[in-house]
Amino acid sequence: VGRSGEPLVNVVVDASGRAQMIRKRTGQRLKLQPMAAVCAEDGG
């Protein structure tokens, strides 16, 4: 579910919190990477 509340039907999150995207055209599953630590810094 996106921050806007929009359902993301091709994004799945398993019980351990690992997330994958399912490509809608092919069904291929891709691992979703978290953002880098530097991207989550606040400050400047």
Full PDB file with SEQRES, HELIX, SHEET, SSBOND, CRYST1, ORIGX, SCALE, CONECT and MASTER records, all heavy atoms in Angstrom:
SEQRES   1 A   44  VAL GLY ARG SER GLY GLU PRO LEU VAL ASN VAL VAL VAL          
SEQRES   2 A   44  ASP ALA SER GLY ARG ALA GLN MET ILE ARG LYS ARG THR          
SEQRES   3 A   44  GLY GLN ARG LEU LYS LEU GLN PRO MET ALA ALA VAL CYS          
SEQRES   4 A   44  ALA GLU ASP GLY GLY                                          
HELIX    1 AA1 ALA A   37  ALA A   40  5                                   4    
SHEET    1 AA1 3 VAL A  11  VAL A  13  0                                        
SHEET    2 AA1 3 ALA A  19  ILE A  22 -1                                        
SHEET    3 AA1 3 ARG A  29  LYS A  31 -1                                        
CRYST1    1.000    1.000    1.000  90.00  90.00  90.00 P 1           1          
ORIGX1      1.000000  0.000000  0.000000        0.00000                         
ORIGX2      0.000000  1.000000  0.000000        0.00000                         
ORIGX3      0.000000  0.000000  1.000000        0.00000                         
SCALE1      1.000000  0.000000  0.000000        0.00000                         
SCALE2      0.000000  1.000000  0.000000        0.00000                         
SCALE3      0.000000  0.000000  1.000000        0.00000                         
ATOM      1  N   VAL A   1       0.866  -1.180   0.000  1.00  0.00           N  
ATOM      2  CA  VAL A   1       0.000   0.000   0.000  1.00  0.00           C  
ATOM      3  C   VAL A   1       0.902   1.229   0.000  1.00  0.00           C  
ATOM      4  O   VAL A   1       1.812   1.347   0.834  1.00  0.00           O  
ATOM      5  CB  VAL A   1      -0.925   0.041   1.233  1.00  0.00           C  
ATOM      6  CG1 VAL A   1      -1.775   1.307   1.222  1.00  0.00           C  
ATOM      7  CG2 VAL A   1      -1.812  -1.184   1.272  1.00  0.00           C  
ATOM      8  N   GLY A   2       0.674   2.138  -0.948  1.00  0.00           N  
ATOM      9  CA  GLY A   2       1.475   3.345  -1.017  1.00  0.00           C  
ATOM     10  C   GLY A   2       1.123   4.338   0.064  1.00  0.00           C  
ATOM     11  O   GLY A   2       0.114   4.205   0.762  1.00  0.00           O  
ATOM     12  N   ARG A   3       1.958   5.371   0.186  1.00  0.00           N  
ATOM     13  CA  ARG A   3       1.703   6.393   1.209  1.00  0.00           C  
ATOM     14  C   ARG A   3       0.394   7.132   0.962  1.00  0.00           C  
ATOM     15  O   ARG A   3      -0.217   7.662   1.884  1.00  0.00           O  
ATOM     16  CB  ARG A   3       2.862   7.400   1.222  1.00  0.00           C  
ATOM     17  CG  ARG A   3       4.181   6.819   1.712  1.00  0.00           C  
ATOM     18  CD  ARG A   3       5.224   7.907   1.842  1.00  0.00           C  
ATOM     19  NE  ARG A   3       5.379   8.645   0.589  1.00  0.00           N  
ATOM     20  CZ  ARG A   3       6.020   9.805   0.491  1.00  0.00           C  
ATOM     21  NH1 ARG A   3       6.532  10.376   1.566  1.00  0.00           N  
ATOM     22  NH2 ARG A   3       6.145  10.403  -0.682  1.00  0.00           N  
ATOM     23  N   SER A   4      -0.039   7.150  -0.298  1.00  0.00           N  
ATOM     24  CA  SER A   4      -1.303   7.808  -0.627  1.00  0.00           C  
ATOM     25  C   SER A   4      -2.505   6.953  -0.281  1.00  0.00           C  
ATOM     26  O   SER A   4      -3.648   7.403  -0.377  1.00  0.00           O  
ATOM     27  CB  SER A   4      -1.330   8.124  -2.129  1.00  0.00           C  
ATOM     28  OG  SER A   4      -1.354   6.916  -2.883  1.00  0.00           O  
ATOM     29  N   GLY A   5      -2.268   5.705   0.122  1.00  0.00           N  
ATOM     30  CA  GLY A   5      -3.349   4.769   0.380  1.00  0.00           C  
ATOM     31  C   GLY A   5      -3.690   3.916  -0.820  1.00  0.00           C  
ATOM     32  O   GLY A   5      -4.567   3.048  -0.738  1.00  0.00           O  
ATOM     33  N   GLU A   6      -2.993   4.145  -1.943  1.00  0.00           N  
ATOM     34  CA  GLU A   6      -3.251   3.388  -3.162  1.00  0.00           C  
ATOM     35  C   GLU A   6      -2.730   1.959  -3.032  1.00  0.00           C  
ATOM     36  O   GLU A   6      -1.559   1.739  -2.703  1.00  0.00           O  
ATOM     37  CB  GLU A   6      -2.553   4.072  -4.345  1.00  0.00           C  
ATOM     38  CG  GLU A   6      -2.804   3.428  -5.689  1.00  0.00           C  
ATOM     39  CD  GLU A   6      -4.136   3.836  -6.284  1.00  0.00           C  
ATOM     40  OE1 GLU A   6      -4.909   4.545  -5.607  1.00  0.00           O  
ATOM     41  OE2 GLU A   6      -4.394   3.442  -7.430  1.00  0.00           O  
ATOM     42  N   PRO A   7      -3.559   0.938  -3.278  1.00  0.00           N  
ATOM     43  CA  PRO A   7      -3.081  -0.435  -3.251  1.00  0.00           C  
ATOM     44  C   PRO A   7      -2.081  -0.690  -4.389  1.00  0.00           C  
ATOM     45  O   PRO A   7      -2.278  -0.227  -5.515  1.00  0.00           O  
ATOM     46  CB  PRO A   7      -4.342  -1.273  -3.452  1.00  0.00           C  
ATOM     47  CG  PRO A   7      -5.472  -0.360  -3.126  1.00  0.00           C  
ATOM     48  CD  PRO A   7      -5.019   1.007  -3.514  1.00  0.00           C  
ATOM     49  N   LEU A   8      -1.016  -1.391  -4.083  1.00  0.00           N  
ATOM     50  CA  LEU A   8      -0.018  -1.779  -5.070  1.00  0.00           C  
ATOM     51  C   LEU A   8      -0.119  -3.294  -5.221  1.00  0.00           C  
ATOM     52  O   LEU A   8       0.568  -4.045  -4.521  1.00  0.00           O  
ATOM     53  CB  LEU A   8       1.381  -1.353  -4.616  1.00  0.00           C  
ATOM     54  CG  LEU A   8       1.530   0.134  -4.250  1.00  0.00           C  
ATOM     55  CD1 LEU A   8       2.914   0.413  -3.673  1.00  0.00           C  
ATOM     56  CD2 LEU A   8       1.258   1.019  -5.460  1.00  0.00           C  
ATOM     57  N   VAL A   9      -0.993  -3.736  -6.102  1.00  0.00           N  
ATOM     58  CA  VAL A   9      -1.330  -5.158  -6.155  1.00  0.00           C  
ATOM     59  C   VAL A   9      -0.156  -6.027  -6.577  1.00  0.00           C  
ATOM     60  O   VAL A   9      -0.152  -7.231  -6.313  1.00  0.00           O  
ATOM     61  CB  VAL A   9      -2.528  -5.408  -7.098  1.00  0.00           C  
ATOM     62  CG1 VAL A   9      -3.789  -4.755  -6.552  1.00  0.00           C  
ATOM     63  CG2 VAL A   9      -2.225  -4.920  -8.512  1.00  0.00           C  
ATOM     64  N   ASN A  10       0.843  -5.443  -7.244  1.00  0.00           N  
ATOM     65  CA  ASN A  10       1.983  -6.234  -7.686  1.00  0.00           C  
ATOM     66  C   ASN A  10       3.187  -6.108  -6.757  1.00  0.00           C  
ATOM     67  O   ASN A  10       4.297  -6.500  -7.110  1.00  0.00           O  
ATOM     68  CB  ASN A  10       2.392  -5.856  -9.109  1.00  0.00           C  
ATOM     69  CG  ASN A  10       2.874  -4.422  -9.224  1.00  0.00           C  
ATOM     70  OD1 ASN A  10       2.338  -3.535  -8.555  1.00  0.00           O  
ATOM     71  ND2 ASN A  10       3.859  -4.190 -10.064  1.00  0.00           N  
ATOM     72  N   VAL A  11       2.979  -5.538  -5.562  1.00  0.00           N  
ATOM     73  CA  VAL A  11       4.016  -5.510  -4.536  1.00  0.00           C  
ATOM     74  C   VAL A  11       3.594  -6.442  -3.410  1.00  0.00           C  
ATOM     75  O   VAL A  11       2.486  -6.324  -2.883  1.00  0.00           O  
ATOM     76  CB  VAL A  11       4.232  -4.084  -3.997  1.00  0.00           C  
ATOM     77  CG1 VAL A  11       5.172  -4.092  -2.789  1.00  0.00           C  
ATOM     78  CG2 VAL A  11       4.792  -3.179  -5.092  1.00  0.00           C  
ATOM     79  N   VAL A  12       4.467  -7.383  -3.057  1.00  0.00           N  
ATOM     80  CA  VAL A  12       4.153  -8.337  -1.992  1.00  0.00           C  
ATOM     81  C   VAL A  12       5.206  -8.238  -0.897  1.00  0.00           C  
ATOM     82  O   VAL A  12       6.385  -8.002  -1.160  1.00  0.00           O  
ATOM     83  CB  VAL A  12       4.082  -9.789  -2.534  1.00  0.00           C  
ATOM     84  CG1 VAL A  12       2.896  -9.952  -3.469  1.00  0.00           C  
ATOM     85  CG2 VAL A  12       5.372 -10.190  -3.240  1.00  0.00           C  
ATOM     86  N   VAL A  13       4.744  -8.391   0.334  1.00  0.00           N  
ATOM     87  CA  VAL A  13       5.622  -8.347   1.497  1.00  0.00           C  
ATOM     88  C   VAL A  13       5.388  -9.635   2.275  1.00  0.00           C  
ATOM     89  O   VAL A  13       4.249  -9.930   2.667  1.00  0.00           O  
ATOM     90  CB  VAL A  13       5.322  -7.127   2.387  1.00  0.00           C  
ATOM     91  CG1 VAL A  13       6.275  -7.090   3.576  1.00  0.00           C  
ATOM     92  CG2 VAL A  13       5.423  -5.832   1.576  1.00  0.00           C  
ATOM     93  N   ASP A  14       6.455 -10.422   2.489  1.00  0.00           N  
ATOM     94  CA  ASP A  14       6.273 -11.697   3.188  1.00  0.00           C  
ATOM     95  C   ASP A  14       6.296 -11.488   4.701  1.00  0.00           C  
ATOM     96  O   ASP A  14       6.453 -10.365   5.199  1.00  0.00           O  
ATOM     97  CB  ASP A  14       7.308 -12.729   2.733  1.00  0.00           C  
ATOM     98  CG  ASP A  14       8.732 -12.381   3.135  1.00  0.00           C  
ATOM     99  OD1 ASP A  14       8.922 -11.531   4.034  1.00  0.00           O  
ATOM    100  OD2 ASP A  14       9.666 -12.957   2.547  1.00  0.00           O  
ATOM    101  N   ALA A  15       6.139 -12.577   5.420  1.00  0.00           N  
ATOM    102  CA  ALA A  15       5.997 -12.496   6.878  1.00  0.00           C  
ATOM    103  C   ALA A  15       7.233 -11.911   7.547  1.00  0.00           C  
ATOM    104  O   ALA A  15       7.138 -11.309   8.625  1.00  0.00           O  
ATOM    105  CB  ALA A  15       5.705 -13.886   7.438  1.00  0.00           C  
ATOM    106  N   SER A  16       8.398 -12.073   6.938  1.00  0.00           N  
ATOM    107  CA  SER A  16       9.631 -11.548   7.527  1.00  0.00           C  
ATOM    108  C   SER A  16       9.903 -10.105   7.124  1.00  0.00           C  
ATOM    109  O   SER A  16      10.894  -9.511   7.556  1.00  0.00           O  
ATOM    110  CB  SER A  16      10.815 -12.422   7.120  1.00  0.00           C  
ATOM    111  OG  SER A  16      11.011 -12.363   5.711  1.00  0.00           O  
ATOM    112  N   GLY A  17       9.055  -9.537   6.274  1.00  0.00           N  
ATOM    113  CA  GLY A  17       9.218  -8.155   5.855  1.00  0.00           C  
ATOM    114  C   GLY A  17       9.921  -7.970   4.531  1.00  0.00           C  
ATOM    115  O   GLY A  17      10.074  -6.835   4.061  1.00  0.00           O  
ATOM    116  N   ARG A  18      10.363  -9.074   3.918  1.00  0.00           N  
ATOM    117  CA  ARG A  18      11.020  -8.953   2.607  1.00  0.00           C  
ATOM    118  C   ARG A  18       9.990  -8.590   1.543  1.00  0.00           C  
ATOM    119  O   ARG A  18       8.897  -9.167   1.501  1.00  0.00           O  
ATOM    120  CB  ARG A  18      11.731 -10.251   2.229  1.00  0.00           C  
ATOM    121  CG  ARG A  18      12.968 -10.552   3.073  1.00  0.00           C  
ATOM    122  CD  ARG A  18      13.726 -11.752   2.511  1.00  0.00           C  
ATOM    123  NE  ARG A  18      12.922 -12.950   2.623  1.00  0.00           N  
ATOM    124  CZ  ARG A  18      12.997 -13.814   3.639  1.00  0.00           C  
ATOM    125  NH1 ARG A  18      13.840 -13.580   4.625  1.00  0.00           N  
ATOM    126  NH2 ARG A  18      12.248 -14.885   3.670  1.00  0.00           N  
ATOM    127  N   ALA A  19      10.359  -7.654   0.674  1.00  0.00           N  
ATOM    128  CA  ALA A  19       9.414  -7.141  -0.324  1.00  0.00           C  
ATOM    129  C   ALA A  19       9.875  -7.495  -1.734  1.00  0.00           C  
ATOM    130  O   ALA A  19      11.075  -7.512  -2.027  1.00  0.00           O  
ATOM    131  CB  ALA A  19       9.267  -5.631  -0.196  1.00  0.00           C  
ATOM    132  N   GLN A  20       8.897  -7.788  -2.584  1.00  0.00           N  
ATOM    133  CA  GLN A  20       9.164  -8.072  -3.991  1.00  0.00           C  
ATOM    134  C   GLN A  20       8.125  -7.356  -4.855  1.00  0.00           C  
ATOM    135  O   GLN A  20       7.008  -7.084  -4.427  1.00  0.00           O  
ATOM    136  CB  GLN A  20       9.083  -9.584  -4.271  1.00  0.00           C  
ATOM    137  CG  GLN A  20      10.179 -10.418  -3.639  1.00  0.00           C  
ATOM    138  CD  GLN A  20      10.017 -11.893  -3.996  1.00  0.00           C  
ATOM    139  OE1 GLN A  20       8.931 -12.443  -3.859  1.00  0.00           O  
ATOM    140  NE2 GLN A  20      11.083 -12.508  -4.468  1.00  0.00           N  
ATOM    141  N   MET A  21       8.547  -7.067  -6.089  1.00  0.00           N  
ATOM    142  CA  MET A  21       7.618  -6.557  -7.088  1.00  0.00           C  
ATOM    143  C   MET A  21       7.383  -7.648  -8.123  1.00  0.00           C  
ATOM    144  O   MET A  21       8.331  -8.319  -8.555  1.00  0.00           O  
ATOM    145  CB  MET A  21       8.159  -5.309  -7.784  1.00  0.00           C  
ATOM    146  CG  MET A  21       7.351  -4.898  -9.005  1.00  0.00           C  
ATOM    147  SD  MET A  21       8.020  -3.454  -9.855  1.00  0.00           S  
ATOM    148  CE  MET A  21       7.407  -2.169  -8.777  1.00  0.00           C  
ATOM    149  N   ILE A  22       6.129  -7.826  -8.513  1.00  0.00           N  
ATOM    150  CA  ILE A  22       5.782  -8.776  -9.571  1.00  0.00           C  
ATOM    151  C   ILE A  22       5.569  -7.988 -10.858  1.00  0.00           C  
ATOM    152  O   ILE A  22       4.700  -7.105 -10.920  1.00  0.00           O  
ATOM    153  CB  ILE A  22       4.507  -9.558  -9.233  1.00  0.00           C  
ATOM    154  CG1 ILE A  22       4.639 -10.240  -7.874  1.00  0.00           C  
ATOM    155  CG2 ILE A  22       4.197 -10.588 -10.317  1.00  0.00           C  
ATOM    156  CD1 ILE A  22       3.355 -10.888  -7.396  1.00  0.00           C  
ATOM    157  N   ARG A  23       6.360  -8.250 -11.863  1.00  0.00           N  
ATOM    158  CA  ARG A  23       6.182  -7.545 -13.128  1.00  0.00           C  
ATOM    159  C   ARG A  23       4.842  -7.957 -13.737  1.00  0.00           C  
ATOM    160  O   ARG A  23       4.547  -9.151 -13.902  1.00  0.00           O  
ATOM    161  CB  ARG A  23       7.320  -7.867 -14.091  1.00  0.00           C  
ATOM    162  CG  ARG A  23       8.650  -7.237 -13.691  1.00  0.00           C  
ATOM    163  CD  ARG A  23       9.677  -7.411 -14.779  1.00  0.00           C  
ATOM    164  NE  ARG A  23       9.184  -6.847 -16.032  1.00  0.00           N  
ATOM    165  CZ  ARG A  23       9.720  -7.127 -17.221  1.00  0.00           C  
ATOM    166  NH1 ARG A  23      10.737  -7.981 -17.306  1.00  0.00           N  
ATOM    167  NH2 ARG A  23       9.232  -6.584 -18.306  1.00  0.00           N  
ATOM    168  N   LYS A  24       4.020  -6.962 -14.060  1.00  0.00           N  
ATOM    169  CA  LYS A  24       2.651  -7.237 -14.476  1.00  0.00           C  
ATOM    170  C   LYS A  24       2.579  -7.940 -15.827  1.00  0.00           C  
ATOM    171  O   LYS A  24       1.643  -8.709 -16.077  1.00  0.00           O  
ATOM    172  CB  LYS A  24       1.858  -5.929 -14.522  1.00  0.00           C  
ATOM    173  CG  LYS A  24       1.652  -5.304 -13.146  1.00  0.00           C  
ATOM    174  CD  LYS A  24       0.936  -3.972 -13.228  1.00  0.00           C  
ATOM    175  CE  LYS A  24       0.747  -3.344 -11.862  1.00  0.00           C  
ATOM    176  NZ  LYS A  24       0.133  -2.000 -11.928  1.00  0.00           N  
ATOM    177  N   ARG A  25       3.522  -7.677 -16.698  1.00  0.00           N  
ATOM    178  CA  ARG A  25       3.456  -8.272 -18.032  1.00  0.00           C  
ATOM    179  C   ARG A  25       4.002  -9.688 -18.067  1.00  0.00           C  
ATOM    180  O   ARG A  25       3.522 -10.534 -18.829  1.00  0.00           O  
ATOM    181  CB  ARG A  25       4.218  -7.391 -19.033  1.00  0.00           C  
ATOM    182  CG  ARG A  25       4.125  -7.830 -20.485  1.00  0.00           C  
ATOM    183  CD  ARG A  25       4.656  -6.761 -21.412  1.00  0.00           C  
ATOM    184  NE  ARG A  25       6.018  -6.391 -21.093  1.00  0.00           N  
ATOM    185  CZ  ARG A  25       7.100  -7.023 -21.566  1.00  0.00           C  
ATOM    186  NH1 ARG A  25       6.971  -8.053 -22.381  1.00  0.00           N  
ATOM    187  NH2 ARG A  25       8.314  -6.628 -21.238  1.00  0.00           N  
ATOM    188  N   THR A  26       5.005  -9.971 -17.228  1.00  0.00           N  
ATOM    189  CA  THR A  26       5.671 -11.268 -17.303  1.00  0.00           C  
ATOM    190  C   THR A  26       5.474 -12.142 -16.072  1.00  0.00           C  
ATOM    191  O   THR A  26       5.693 -13.355 -16.137  1.00  0.00           O  
ATOM    192  CB  THR A  26       7.183 -11.070 -17.509  1.00  0.00           C  
ATOM    193  OG1 THR A  26       7.741 -10.454 -16.334  1.00  0.00           O  
ATOM    194  CG2 THR A  26       7.458 -10.207 -18.729  1.00  0.00           C  
ATOM    195  N   GLY A  27       5.102 -11.556 -14.929  1.00  0.00           N  
ATOM    196  CA  GLY A  27       4.989 -12.329 -13.698  1.00  0.00           C  
ATOM    197  C   GLY A  27       6.311 -12.518 -12.982  1.00  0.00           C  
ATOM    198  O   GLY A  27       6.350 -13.141 -11.910  1.00  0.00           O  
ATOM    199  N   GLN A  28       7.401 -11.993 -13.540  1.00  0.00           N  
ATOM    200  CA  GLN A  28       8.711 -12.133 -12.910  1.00  0.00           C  
ATOM    201  C   GLN A  28       8.736 -11.386 -11.580  1.00  0.00           C  
ATOM    202  O   GLN A  28       8.195 -10.296 -11.450  1.00  0.00           O  
ATOM    203  CB  GLN A  28       9.792 -11.560 -13.831  1.00  0.00           C  
ATOM    204  CG  GLN A  28      11.196 -11.574 -13.229  1.00  0.00           C  
ATOM    205  CD  GLN A  28      12.191 -10.783 -14.067  1.00  0.00           C  
ATOM    206  OE1 GLN A  28      11.802 -10.027 -14.957  1.00  0.00           O  
ATOM    207  NE2 GLN A  28      13.472 -10.953 -13.793  1.00  0.00           N  
ATOM    208  N   ARG A  29       9.369 -12.005 -10.579  1.00  0.00           N  
ATOM    209  CA  ARG A  29       9.483 -11.388  -9.259  1.00  0.00           C  
ATOM    210  C   ARG A  29      10.856 -10.730  -9.112  1.00  0.00           C  
ATOM    211  O   ARG A  29      11.879 -11.347  -9.388  1.00  0.00           O  
ATOM    212  CB  ARG A  29       9.265 -12.413  -8.157  1.00  0.00           C  
ATOM    213  CG  ARG A  29       7.804 -12.851  -8.043  1.00  0.00           C  
ATOM    214  CD  ARG A  29       7.562 -13.666  -6.796  1.00  0.00           C  
ATOM    215  NE  ARG A  29       6.140 -13.882  -6.563  1.00  0.00           N  
ATOM    216  CZ  ARG A  29       5.558 -13.851  -5.370  1.00  0.00           C  
ATOM    217  NH1 ARG A  29       6.284 -13.614  -4.294  1.00  0.00           N  
ATOM    218  NH2 ARG A  29       4.271 -14.067  -5.243  1.00  0.00           N  
ATOM    219  N   LEU A  30      10.851  -9.461  -8.668  1.00  0.00           N  
ATOM    220  CA  LEU A  30      12.079  -8.700  -8.475  1.00  0.00           C  
ATOM    221  C   LEU A  30      12.178  -8.275  -7.017  1.00  0.00           C  
ATOM    222  O   LEU A  30      11.212  -7.773  -6.442  1.00  0.00           O  
ATOM    223  CB  LEU A  30      12.095  -7.457  -9.370  1.00  0.00           C  
ATOM    224  CG  LEU A  30      11.948  -7.679 -10.875  1.00  0.00           C  
ATOM    225  CD1 LEU A  30      11.833  -6.334 -11.583  1.00  0.00           C  
ATOM    226  CD2 LEU A  30      13.136  -8.464 -11.414  1.00  0.00           C  
ATOM    227  N   LYS A  31      13.345  -8.449  -6.422  1.00  0.00           N  
ATOM    228  CA  LYS A  31      13.565  -8.035  -5.042  1.00  0.00           C  
ATOM    229  C   LYS A  31      13.582  -6.511  -4.980  1.00  0.00           C  
ATOM    230  O   LYS A  31      14.218  -5.846  -5.794  1.00  0.00           O  
ATOM    231  CB  LYS A  31      14.884  -8.589  -4.523  1.00  0.00           C  
ATOM    232  CG  LYS A  31      15.189  -8.194  -3.078  1.00  0.00           C  
ATOM    233  CD  LYS A  31      16.539  -8.747  -2.634  1.00  0.00           C  
ATOM    234  CE  LYS A  31      16.861  -8.308  -1.219  1.00  0.00           C  
ATOM    235  NZ  LYS A  31      18.202  -8.814  -0.789  1.00  0.00           N  
ATOM    236  N   LEU A  32      12.867  -5.953  -4.024  1.00  0.00           N  
ATOM    237  CA  LEU A  32      12.841  -4.502  -3.840  1.00  0.00           C  
ATOM    238  C   LEU A  32      13.900  -4.101  -2.816  1.00  0.00           C  
ATOM    239  O   LEU A  32      13.867  -4.546  -1.670  1.00  0.00           O  
ATOM    240  CB  LEU A  32      11.458  -4.051  -3.374  1.00  0.00           C  
ATOM    241  CG  LEU A  32      10.341  -4.194  -4.419  1.00  0.00           C  
ATOM    242  CD1 LEU A  32       9.002  -3.823  -3.820  1.00  0.00           C  
ATOM    243  CD2 LEU A  32      10.631  -3.327  -5.636  1.00  0.00           C  
ATOM    244  N   GLN A  33      14.817  -3.265  -3.257  1.00  0.00           N  
ATOM    245  CA  GLN A  33      15.915  -2.848  -2.400  1.00  0.00           C  
ATOM    246  C   GLN A  33      15.497  -1.658  -1.531  1.00  0.00           C  
ATOM    247  O   GLN A  33      14.792  -0.763  -1.992  1.00  0.00           O  
ATOM    248  CB  GLN A  33      17.117  -2.438  -3.257  1.00  0.00           C  
ATOM    249  CG  GLN A  33      17.649  -3.525  -4.160  1.00  0.00           C  
ATOM    250  CD  GLN A  33      18.390  -4.608  -3.397  1.00  0.00           C  
ATOM    251  OE1 GLN A  33      18.607  -4.491  -2.188  1.00  0.00           O  
ATOM    252  NE2 GLN A  33      18.768  -5.662  -4.084  1.00  0.00           N  
ATOM    253  N   PRO A  34      15.926  -1.633  -0.269  1.00  0.00           N  
ATOM    254  CA  PRO A  34      15.667  -0.439   0.551  1.00  0.00           C  
ATOM    255  C   PRO A  34      16.547   0.712   0.084  1.00  0.00           C  
ATOM    256  O   PRO A  34      17.549   0.508  -0.613  1.00  0.00           O  
ATOM    257  CB  PRO A  34      16.057  -0.895   1.952  1.00  0.00           C  
ATOM    258  CG  PRO A  34      17.078  -1.961   1.725  1.00  0.00           C  
ATOM    259  CD  PRO A  34      16.661  -2.673   0.464  1.00  0.00           C  
ATOM    260  N   MET A  35      16.172   1.926   0.436  1.00  0.00           N  
ATOM    261  CA  MET A  35      17.014   3.067   0.086  1.00  0.00           C  
ATOM    262  C   MET A  35      18.315   2.999   0.871  1.00  0.00           C  
ATOM    263  O   MET A  35      18.385   2.381   1.947  1.00  0.00           O  
ATOM    264  CB  MET A  35      16.284   4.378   0.361  1.00  0.00           C  
ATOM    265  CG  MET A  35      15.923   4.628   1.796  1.00  0.00           C  
ATOM    266  SD  MET A  35      15.116   6.243   2.073  1.00  0.00           S  
ATOM    267  CE  MET A  35      13.539   5.992   1.258  1.00  0.00           C  
ATOM    268  N   ALA A  36      19.358   3.608   0.329  1.00  0.00           N  
ATOM    269  CA  ALA A  36      20.644   3.648   1.014  1.00  0.00           C  
ATOM    270  C   ALA A  36      20.527   4.467   2.294  1.00  0.00           C  
ATOM    271  O   ALA A  36      19.680   5.366   2.406  1.00  0.00           O  
ATOM    272  CB  ALA A  36      21.709   4.242   0.102  1.00  0.00           C  
ATOM    273  N   ALA A  37      21.392   4.181   3.262  1.00  0.00           N  
ATOM    274  CA  ALA A  37      21.345   4.884   4.549  1.00  0.00           C  
ATOM    275  C   ALA A  37      21.493   6.389   4.371  1.00  0.00           C  
ATOM    276  O   ALA A  37      20.835   7.176   5.054  1.00  0.00           O  
ATOM    277  CB  ALA A  37      22.428   4.342   5.474  1.00  0.00           C  
ATOM    278  N   VAL A  38      22.335   6.804   3.421  1.00  0.00           N  
ATOM    279  CA  VAL A  38      22.555   8.233   3.215  1.00  0.00           C  
ATOM    280  C   VAL A  38      21.296   8.925   2.719  1.00  0.00           C  
ATOM    281  O   VAL A  38      21.080  10.112   2.973  1.00  0.00           O  
ATOM    282  CB  VAL A  38      23.727   8.449   2.226  1.00  0.00           C  
ATOM    283  CG1 VAL A  38      23.359   7.958   0.833  1.00  0.00           C  
ATOM    284  CG2 VAL A  38      24.145   9.908   2.188  1.00  0.00           C  
ATOM    285  N   CYS A  39      20.429   8.168   2.042  1.00  0.00           N  
ATOM    286  CA  CYS A  39      19.179   8.759   1.538  1.00  0.00           C  
ATOM    287  C   CYS A  39      18.193   9.052   2.662  1.00  0.00           C  
ATOM    288  O   CYS A  39      17.271   9.863   2.479  1.00  0.00           O  
ATOM    289  CB  CYS A  39      18.523   7.822   0.525  1.00  0.00           C  
ATOM    290  SG  CYS A  39      19.485   7.569  -0.980  1.00  0.00           S  
ATOM    291  N   ALA A  40      18.355   8.387   3.785  1.00  0.00           N  
ATOM    292  CA  ALA A  40      17.411   8.542   4.892  1.00  0.00           C  
ATOM    293  C   ALA A  40      17.893   9.559   5.917  1.00  0.00           C  
ATOM    294  O   ALA A  40      17.235   9.767   6.939  1.00  0.00           O  
ATOM    295  CB  ALA A  40      17.188   7.197   5.577  1.00  0.00           C  
ATOM    296  N   GLU A  41      19.037  10.188   5.657  1.00  0.00           N  
ATOM    297  CA  GLU A  41      19.533  11.195   6.592  1.00  0.00           C  
ATOM    298  C   GLU A  41      18.677  12.452   6.531  1.00  0.00           C  
ATOM    299  O   GLU A  41      18.174  12.828   5.477  1.00  0.00           O  
ATOM    300  CB  GLU A  41      20.984  11.558   6.254  1.00  0.00           C  
ATOM    301  CG  GLU A  41      21.986  10.471   6.573  1.00  0.00           C  
ATOM    302  CD  GLU A  41      23.407  10.913   6.295  1.00  0.00           C  
ATOM    303  OE1 GLU A  41      23.597  11.890   5.542  1.00  0.00           O  
ATOM    304  OE2 GLU A  41      24.322  10.281   6.833  1.00  0.00           O  
ATOM    305  N   ASP A  42      18.535  13.086   7.657  1.00  0.00           N  
ATOM    306  CA  ASP A  42      17.807  14.346   7.707  1.00  0.00           C  
ATOM    307  C   ASP A  42      18.809  15.499   7.647  1.00  0.00           C  
ATOM    308  O   ASP A  42      19.672  15.520   6.801  1.00  0.00           O  
ATOM    309  CB  ASP A  42      16.933  14.400   8.959  1.00  0.00           C  
ATOM    310  CG  ASP A  42      15.800  13.389   8.898  1.00  0.00           C  
ATOM    311  OD1 ASP A  42      15.285  13.177   7.792  1.00  0.00           O  
ATOM    312  OD2 ASP A  42      15.447  12.818   9.944  1.00  0.00           O  
ATOM    313  N   GLY A  43      18.724  16.439   8.552  1.00  0.00           N  
ATOM    314  CA  GLY A  43      19.668  17.547   8.531  1.00  0.00           C  
ATOM    315  C   GLY A  43      19.526  18.375   7.268  1.00  0.00           C  
ATOM    316  O   GLY A  43      18.421  18.718   6.841  1.00  0.00           O  
ATOM    317  N   GLY A  44      20.642  18.688   6.631  1.00  0.00           N  
ATOM    318  CA  GLY A  44      20.650  19.564   5.473  1.00  0.00           C  
ATOM    319  C   GLY A  44      19.947  19.018   4.253  1.00  0.00           C  
ATOM    320  O   GLY A  44      19.632  19.772   3.332  1.00  0.00           O  
TER     321      GLY A  44                                                      
MASTER        0    0    0    1    3    0    0    6  320    1    0    4          
END                                                                             
